[in-house]
Amino acid sequence: MAQGQSRSSNVLVVPQASSALDQMKYEVAQELGIQIPQDGYFGYMATRDTGAIGGHITRRLVQIAEQSLAGGQLR
């Protein structure tokens, strides 16, 4: 597989969300102190690091959805 290509079969419902998700990925990595490769290729990163990034992103997305369903009110 060529560098930078994804094997994911997930299709974004809102295509514009891709850039927002990428931005969130970099923000989470920075918060966790994980260095993102300059070339954008994640194949050489430790599974633990990429999993931590994905887990934190998922938590944030769930939190955002819960807030949205609650009418924007924090619990």
PDB file of N, CA and C in Angstrom:
ATOM      1  N   MET A   1       0.845  -1.176   0.000  1.00  0.00           N
ATOM      2  CA  MET A   1       0.000   0.000   0.000  1.00  0.00           C
ATOM      3  C   MET A   1       0.886   1.234   0.000  1.00  0.00           C
ATOM      4  N   ALA A   2       0.520   2.210  -0.790  1.00  0.00           N
ATOM      5  CA  ALA A   2       1.311   3.430  -0.885  1.00  0.00           C
ATOM      6  C   ALA A   2       1.201   4.254   0.387  1.00  0.00           C
ATOM      7  N   GLN A   3       2.242   4.992   0.628  1.00  0.00           N
ATOM      8  CA  GLN A   3       2.301   5.825   1.827  1.00  0.00           C
ATOM      9  C   GLN A   3       1.191   6.871   1.798  1.00  0.00           C
ATOM     10  N   GLY A   4       0.530   7.055   2.954  1.00  0.00           N
ATOM     11  CA  GLY A   4      -0.518   8.051   3.051  1.00  0.00           C
ATOM     12  C   GLY A   4      -1.899   7.552   2.681  1.00  0.00           C
ATOM     13  N   GLN A   5      -1.989   6.320   2.160  1.00  0.00           N
ATOM     14  CA  GLN A   5      -3.286   5.761   1.827  1.00  0.00           C
ATOM     15  C   GLN A   5      -3.837   5.008   3.015  1.00  0.00           C
ATOM     16  N   SER A   6      -5.135   4.984   3.115  1.00  0.00           N
ATOM     17  CA  SER A   6      -5.789   4.311   4.224  1.00  0.00           C
ATOM     18  C   SER A   6      -6.507   3.072   3.735  1.00  0.00           C
ATOM     19  N   ARG A   7      -6.526   2.048   4.567  1.00  0.00           N
ATOM     20  CA  ARG A   7      -7.255   0.825   4.236  1.00  0.00           C
ATOM     21  C   ARG A   7      -8.664   0.876   4.814  1.00  0.00           C
ATOM     22  N   SER A   8      -8.995   1.946   5.484  1.00  0.00           N
ATOM     23  CA  SER A   8     -10.282   2.071   6.142  1.00  0.00           C
ATOM     24  C   SER A   8     -11.413   2.085   5.123  1.00  0.00           C
ATOM     25  N   SER A   9     -12.477   1.367   5.452  1.00  0.00           N
ATOM     26  CA  SER A   9     -13.644   1.374   4.588  1.00  0.00           C
ATOM     27  C   SER A   9     -14.709   2.322   5.120  1.00  0.00           C
ATOM     28  N   ASN A  10     -14.371   3.045   6.204  1.00  0.00           N
ATOM     29  CA  ASN A  10     -15.318   3.999   6.763  1.00  0.00           C
ATOM     30  C   ASN A  10     -15.517   5.161   5.806  1.00  0.00           C
ATOM     31  N   VAL A  11     -16.774   5.545   5.644  1.00  0.00           N
ATOM     32  CA  VAL A  11     -17.099   6.672   4.790  1.00  0.00           C
ATOM     33  C   VAL A  11     -17.721   7.746   5.676  1.00  0.00           C
ATOM     34  N   LEU A  12     -17.183   8.944   5.596  1.00  0.00           N
ATOM     35  CA  LEU A  12     -17.714  10.042   6.393  1.00  0.00           C
ATOM     36  C   LEU A  12     -19.047  10.498   5.804  1.00  0.00           C
ATOM     37  N   VAL A  13     -20.021  10.672   6.671  1.00  0.00           N
ATOM     38  CA  VAL A  13     -21.327  11.149   6.236  1.00  0.00           C
ATOM     39  C   VAL A  13     -21.210  12.606   5.787  1.00  0.00           C
ATOM     40  N   VAL A  14     -20.393  13.364   6.499  1.00  0.00           N
ATOM     41  CA  VAL A  14     -20.137  14.763   6.149  1.00  0.00           C
ATOM     42  C   VAL A  14     -18.672  14.848   5.725  1.00  0.00           C
ATOM     43  N   PRO A  15     -18.404  14.900   4.422  1.00  0.00           N
ATOM     44  CA  PRO A  15     -17.015  14.892   3.943  1.00  0.00           C
ATOM     45  C   PRO A  15     -16.150  15.997   4.535  1.00  0.00           C
ATOM     46  N   GLN A  16     -16.737  17.141   4.864  1.00  0.00           N
ATOM     47  CA  GLN A  16     -15.973  18.241   5.428  1.00  0.00           C
ATOM     48  C   GLN A  16     -15.460  17.910   6.827  1.00  0.00           C
ATOM     49  N   ALA A  17     -15.988  16.862   7.440  1.00  0.00           N
ATOM     50  CA  ALA A  17     -15.572  16.474   8.786  1.00  0.00           C
ATOM     51  C   ALA A  17     -14.151  15.916   8.798  1.00  0.00           C
ATOM     52  N   SER A  18     -13.641  15.518   7.679  1.00  0.00           N
ATOM     53  CA  SER A  18     -12.310  14.929   7.598  1.00  0.00           C
ATOM     54  C   SER A  18     -11.245  15.872   8.137  1.00  0.00           C
ATOM     55  N   SER A  19     -11.277  17.130   7.739  1.00  0.00           N
ATOM     56  CA  SER A  19     -10.266  18.077   8.213  1.00  0.00           C
ATOM     57  C   SER A  19     -10.430  18.346   9.708  1.00  0.00           C
ATOM     58  N   ALA A  20     -11.667  18.369  10.198  1.00  0.00           N
ATOM     59  CA  ALA A  20     -11.898  18.580  11.631  1.00  0.00           C
ATOM     60  C   ALA A  20     -11.371  17.398  12.428  1.00  0.00           C
ATOM     61  N   LEU A  21     -11.566  16.186  11.935  1.00  0.00           N
ATOM     62  CA  LEU A  21     -11.055  15.002  12.621  1.00  0.00           C
ATOM     63  C   LEU A  21      -9.526  14.972  12.611  1.00  0.00           C
ATOM     64  N   ASP A  22      -8.934  15.377  11.501  1.00  0.00           N
ATOM     65  CA  ASP A  22      -7.473  15.438  11.442  1.00  0.00           C
ATOM     66  C   ASP A  22      -6.941  16.447  12.454  1.00  0.00           C
ATOM     67  N   GLN A  23      -7.592  17.595  12.536  1.00  0.00           N
ATOM     68  CA  GLN A  23      -7.168  18.619  13.489  1.00  0.00           C
ATOM     69  C   GLN A  23      -7.278  18.089  14.913  1.00  0.00           C
ATOM     70  N   MET A  24      -8.361  17.372  15.201  1.00  0.00           N
ATOM     71  CA  MET A  24      -8.550  16.807  16.533  1.00  0.00           C
ATOM     72  C   MET A  24      -7.461  15.775  16.835  1.00  0.00           C
ATOM     73  N   LYS A  25      -7.070  15.019  15.827  1.00  0.00           N
ATOM     74  CA  LYS A  25      -6.011  14.013  15.993  1.00  0.00           C
ATOM     75  C   LYS A  25      -4.706  14.673  16.431  1.00  0.00           C
ATOM     76  N   TYR A  26      -4.359  15.778  15.791  1.00  0.00           N
ATOM     77  CA  TYR A  26      -3.116  16.464  16.135  1.00  0.00           C
ATOM     78  C   TYR A  26      -3.201  17.126  17.514  1.00  0.00           C
ATOM     79  N   GLU A  27      -4.360  17.674  17.844  1.00  0.00           N
ATOM     80  CA  GLU A  27      -4.538  18.285  19.161  1.00  0.00           C
ATOM     81  C   GLU A  27      -4.395  17.252  20.276  1.00  0.00           C
ATOM     82  N   VAL A  28      -5.049  16.105  20.103  1.00  0.00           N
ATOM     83  CA  VAL A  28      -4.989  15.045  21.114  1.00  0.00           C
ATOM     84  C   VAL A  28      -3.557  14.528  21.252  1.00  0.00           C
ATOM     85  N   ALA A  29      -2.884  14.309  20.137  1.00  0.00           N
ATOM     86  CA  ALA A  29      -1.503  13.831  20.181  1.00  0.00           C
ATOM     87  C   ALA A  29      -0.617  14.819  20.936  1.00  0.00           C
ATOM     88  N   GLN A  30      -0.819  16.096  20.682  1.00  0.00           N
ATOM     89  CA  GLN A  30      -0.022  17.117  21.371  1.00  0.00           C
ATOM     90  C   GLN A  30      -0.304  17.090  22.875  1.00  0.00           C
ATOM     91  N   GLU A  31      -1.578  16.973  23.262  1.00  0.00           N
ATOM     92  CA  GLU A  31      -1.942  16.917  24.677  1.00  0.00           C
ATOM     93  C   GLU A  31      -1.311  15.710  25.369  1.00  0.00           C
ATOM     94  N   LEU A  32      -1.212  14.593  24.635  1.00  0.00           N
ATOM     95  CA  LEU A  32      -0.651  13.369  25.204  1.00  0.00           C
ATOM     96  C   LEU A  32       0.871  13.320  25.110  1.00  0.00           C
ATOM     97  N   GLY A  33       1.462  14.311  24.440  1.00  0.00           N
ATOM     98  CA  GLY A  33       2.912  14.339  24.291  1.00  0.00           C
ATOM     99  C   GLY A  33       3.425  13.338  23.272  1.00  0.00           C
ATOM    100  N   ILE A  34       2.570  12.975  22.316  1.00  0.00           N
ATOM    101  CA  ILE A  34       2.931  12.012  21.277  1.00  0.00           C
ATOM    102  C   ILE A  34       3.340  12.791  20.031  1.00  0.00           C
ATOM    103  N   GLN A  35       4.504  12.460  19.506  1.00  0.00           N
ATOM    104  CA  GLN A  35       5.027  13.135  18.320  1.00  0.00           C
ATOM    105  C   GLN A  35       4.425  12.504  17.063  1.00  0.00           C
ATOM    106  N   ILE A  36       3.750  13.299  16.256  1.00  0.00           N
ATOM    107  CA  ILE A  36       3.173  12.838  15.000  1.00  0.00           C
ATOM    108  C   ILE A  36       4.270  12.913  13.929  1.00  0.00           C
ATOM    109  N   PRO A  37       4.420  11.856  13.126  1.00  0.00           N
ATOM    110  CA  PRO A  37       5.443  11.884  12.069  1.00  0.00           C
ATOM    111  C   PRO A  37       5.211  13.036  11.094  1.00  0.00           C
ATOM    112  N   GLN A  38       6.282  13.698  10.708  1.00  0.00           N
ATOM    113  CA  GLN A  38       6.189  14.846   9.799  1.00  0.00           C
ATOM    114  C   GLN A  38       5.619  14.465   8.436  1.00  0.00           C
ATOM    115  N   ASP A  39       5.896  13.237   8.004  1.00  0.00           N
ATOM    116  CA  ASP A  39       5.420  12.827   6.683  1.00  0.00           C
ATOM    117  C   ASP A  39       3.970  12.339   6.708  1.00  0.00           C
ATOM    118  N   GLY A  40       3.360  12.278   7.900  1.00  0.00           N
ATOM    119  CA  GLY A  40       1.969  11.869   8.009  1.00  0.00           C
ATOM    120  C   GLY A  40       1.742  10.371   7.987  1.00  0.00           C
ATOM    121  N   TYR A  41       2.820   9.590   7.900  1.00  0.00           N
ATOM    122  CA  TYR A  41       2.708   8.135   7.860  1.00  0.00           C
ATOM    123  C   TYR A  41       2.761   7.586   9.279  1.00  0.00           C
ATOM    124  N   PHE A  42       1.699   6.918   9.690  1.00  0.00           N
ATOM    125  CA  PHE A  42       1.582   6.429  11.057  1.00  0.00           C
ATOM    126  C   PHE A  42       2.059   4.988  11.214  1.00  0.00           C
ATOM    127  N   GLY A  43       2.504   4.356  10.144  1.00  0.00           N
ATOM    128  CA  GLY A  43       2.895   2.952  10.168  1.00  0.00           C
ATOM    129  C   GLY A  43       4.053   2.630  11.095  1.00  0.00           C
ATOM    130  N   TYR A  44       4.888   3.610  11.396  1.00  0.00           N
ATOM    131  CA  TYR A  44       6.042   3.359  12.256  1.00  0.00           C
ATOM    132  C   TYR A  44       5.780   3.743  13.714  1.00  0.00           C
ATOM    133  N   MET A  45       4.585   4.260  13.997  1.00  0.00           N
ATOM    134  CA  MET A  45       4.254   4.636  15.368  1.00  0.00           C
ATOM    135  C   MET A  45       3.871   3.395  16.171  1.00  0.00           C
ATOM    136  N   ALA A  46       4.098   3.464  17.463  1.00  0.00           N
ATOM    137  CA  ALA A  46       3.725   2.363  18.337  1.00  0.00           C
ATOM    138  C   ALA A  46       2.203   2.244  18.390  1.00  0.00           C
ATOM    139  N   THR A  47       1.729   1.015  18.397  1.00  0.00           N
ATOM    140  CA  THR A  47       0.294   0.764  18.463  1.00  0.00           C
ATOM    141  C   THR A  47      -0.307   1.410  19.704  1.00  0.00           C
ATOM    142  N   ARG A  48       0.439   1.388  20.775  1.00  0.00           N
ATOM    143  CA  ARG A  48      -0.037   1.998  22.021  1.00  0.00           C
ATOM    144  C   ARG A  48      -0.321   3.489  21.832  1.00  0.00           C
ATOM    145  N   ASP A  49       0.557   4.181  21.114  1.00  0.00           N
ATOM    146  CA  ASP A  49       0.380   5.613  20.882  1.00  0.00           C
ATOM    147  C   ASP A  49      -0.820   5.900  19.982  1.00  0.00           C
ATOM    148  N   THR A  50      -0.932   5.174  18.876  1.00  0.00           N
ATOM    149  CA  THR A  50      -2.054   5.415  17.965  1.00  0.00           C
ATOM    150  C   THR A  50      -3.372   5.035  18.636  1.00  0.00           C
ATOM    151  N   GLY A  51      -3.354   3.994  19.470  1.00  0.00           N
ATOM    152  CA  GLY A  51      -4.556   3.602  20.197  1.00  0.00           C
ATOM    153  C   GLY A  51      -4.967   4.650  21.215  1.00  0.00           C
ATOM    154  N   ALA A  52      -3.982   5.242  21.869  1.00  0.00           N
ATOM    155  CA  ALA A  52      -4.280   6.300  22.847  1.00  0.00           C
ATOM    156  C   ALA A  52      -4.912   7.498  22.156  1.00  0.00           C
ATOM    157  N   ILE A  53      -4.392   7.858  21.001  1.00  0.00           N
ATOM    158  CA  ILE A  53      -4.948   8.981  20.244  1.00  0.00           C
ATOM    159  C   ILE A  53      -6.391   8.667  19.853  1.00  0.00           C
ATOM    160  N   GLY A  54      -6.615   7.479  19.294  1.00  0.00           N
ATOM    161  CA  GLY A  54      -7.963   7.084  18.874  1.00  0.00           C
ATOM    162  C   GLY A  54      -8.935   7.022  20.037  1.00  0.00           C
ATOM    163  N   GLY A  55      -8.488   6.512  21.172  1.00  0.00           N
ATOM    164  CA  GLY A  55      -9.345   6.423  22.345  1.00  0.00           C
ATOM    165  C   GLY A  55      -9.774   7.779  22.859  1.00  0.00           C
ATOM    166  N   HIS A  56      -8.829   8.712  22.901  1.00  0.00           N
ATOM    167  CA  HIS A  56      -9.152  10.061  23.371  1.00  0.00           C
ATOM    168  C   HIS A  56     -10.070  10.789  22.390  1.00  0.00           C
ATOM    169  N   ILE A  57      -9.857  10.569  21.101  1.00  0.00           N
ATOM    170  CA  ILE A  57     -10.734  11.180  20.102  1.00  0.00           C
ATOM    171  C   ILE A  57     -12.158  10.649  20.275  1.00  0.00           C
ATOM    172  N   THR A  58     -12.280   9.342  20.473  1.00  0.00           N
ATOM    173  CA  THR A  58     -13.598   8.742  20.659  1.00  0.00           C
ATOM    174  C   THR A  58     -14.289   9.318  21.894  1.00  0.00           C
ATOM    175  N   ARG A  59     -13.558   9.448  22.985  1.00  0.00           N
ATOM    176  CA  ARG A  59     -14.138  10.034  24.199  1.00  0.00           C
ATOM    177  C   ARG A  59     -14.637  11.456  23.941  1.00  0.00           C
ATOM    178  N   ARG A  60     -13.842  12.232  23.215  1.00  0.00           N
ATOM    179  CA  ARG A  60     -14.249  13.609  22.913  1.00  0.00           C
ATOM    180  C   ARG A  60     -15.494  13.641  22.044  1.00  0.00           C
ATOM    181  N   LEU A  61     -15.538  12.782  21.030  1.00  0.00           N
ATOM    182  CA  LEU A  61     -16.692  12.768  20.131  1.00  0.00           C
ATOM    183  C   LEU A  61     -17.958  12.356  20.867  1.00  0.00           C
ATOM    184  N   VAL A  62     -17.840  11.391  21.770  1.00  0.00           N
ATOM    185  CA  VAL A  62     -18.996  10.973  22.575  1.00  0.00           C
ATOM    186  C   VAL A  62     -19.437  12.122  23.471  1.00  0.00           C
ATOM    187  N   GLN A  63     -18.492  12.803  24.080  1.00  0.00           N
ATOM    188  CA  GLN A  63     -18.810  13.934  24.956  1.00  0.00           C
ATOM    189  C   GLN A  63     -19.514  15.041  24.163  1.00  0.00           C
ATOM    190  N   ILE A  64     -19.020  15.324  22.968  1.00  0.00           N
ATOM    191  CA  ILE A  64     -19.637  16.346  22.121  1.00  0.00           C
ATOM    192  C   ILE A  64     -21.063  15.941  21.755  1.00  0.00           C
ATOM    193  N   ALA A  65     -21.262  14.673  21.411  1.00  0.00           N
ATOM    194  CA  ALA A  65     -22.601  14.182  21.051  1.00  0.00           C
ATOM    195  C   ALA A  65     -23.544  14.253  22.248  1.00  0.00           C
ATOM    196  N   GLU A  66     -23.061  13.884  23.430  1.00  0.00           N
ATOM    197  CA  GLU A  66     -23.898  13.952  24.631  1.00  0.00           C
ATOM    198  C   GLU A  66     -24.319  15.387  24.922  1.00  0.00           C
ATOM    199  N   GLN A  67     -23.385  16.314  24.776  1.00  0.00           N
ATOM    200  CA  GLN A  67     -23.700  17.719  25.006  1.00  0.00           C
ATOM    201  C   GLN A  67     -24.713  18.218  23.982  1.00  0.00           C
ATOM    202  N   SER A  68     -24.563  17.779  22.755  1.00  0.00           N
ATOM    203  CA  SER A  68     -25.484  18.181  21.698  1.00  0.00           C
ATOM    204  C   SER A  68     -26.886  17.646  21.977  1.00  0.00           C
ATOM    205  N   LEU A  69     -26.977  16.393  22.402  1.00  0.00           N
ATOM    206  CA  LEU A  69     -28.282  15.794  22.696  1.00  0.00           C
ATOM    207  C   LEU A  69     -28.928  16.419  23.924  1.00  0.00           C
ATOM    208  N   ALA A  70     -28.101  16.901  24.840  1.00  0.00           N
ATOM    209  CA  ALA A  70     -28.612  17.533  26.050  1.00  0.00           C
ATOM    210  C   ALA A  70     -28.940  19.005  25.814  1.00  0.00           C
ATOM    211  N   GLY A  71     -28.901  19.420  24.592  1.00  0.00           N
ATOM    212  CA  GLY A  71     -29.221  20.808  24.270  1.00  0.00           C
ATOM    213  C   GLY A  71     -28.089  21.774  24.554  1.00  0.00           C
ATOM    214  N   GLY A  72     -26.875  21.241  24.566  1.00  0.00           N
ATOM    215  CA  GLY A  72     -25.716  22.093  24.783  1.00  0.00           C
ATOM    216  C   GLY A  72     -25.410  22.351  26.237  1.00  0.00           C
ATOM    217  N   GLN A  73     -26.193  21.788  27.124  1.00  0.00           N
ATOM    218  CA  GLN A  73     -25.967  21.998  28.540  1.00  0.00           C
ATOM    219  C   GLN A  73     -24.966  20.986  29.059  1.00  0.00           C
ATOM    220  N   LEU A  74     -24.026  21.455  29.871  1.00  0.00           N
ATOM    221  CA  LEU A  74     -23.067  20.567  30.508  1.00  0.00           C
ATOM    222  C   LEU A  74     -23.718  19.905  31.715  1.00  0.00           C
ATOM    223  N   ARG A  75     -23.354  18.669  31.953  1.00  0.00           N
ATOM    224  CA  ARG A  75     -23.885  17.971  33.126  1.00  0.00           C
ATOM    225  C   ARG A  75     -23.013  18.170  34.298  1.00  0.00           C
TER     226      ARG A  75
END
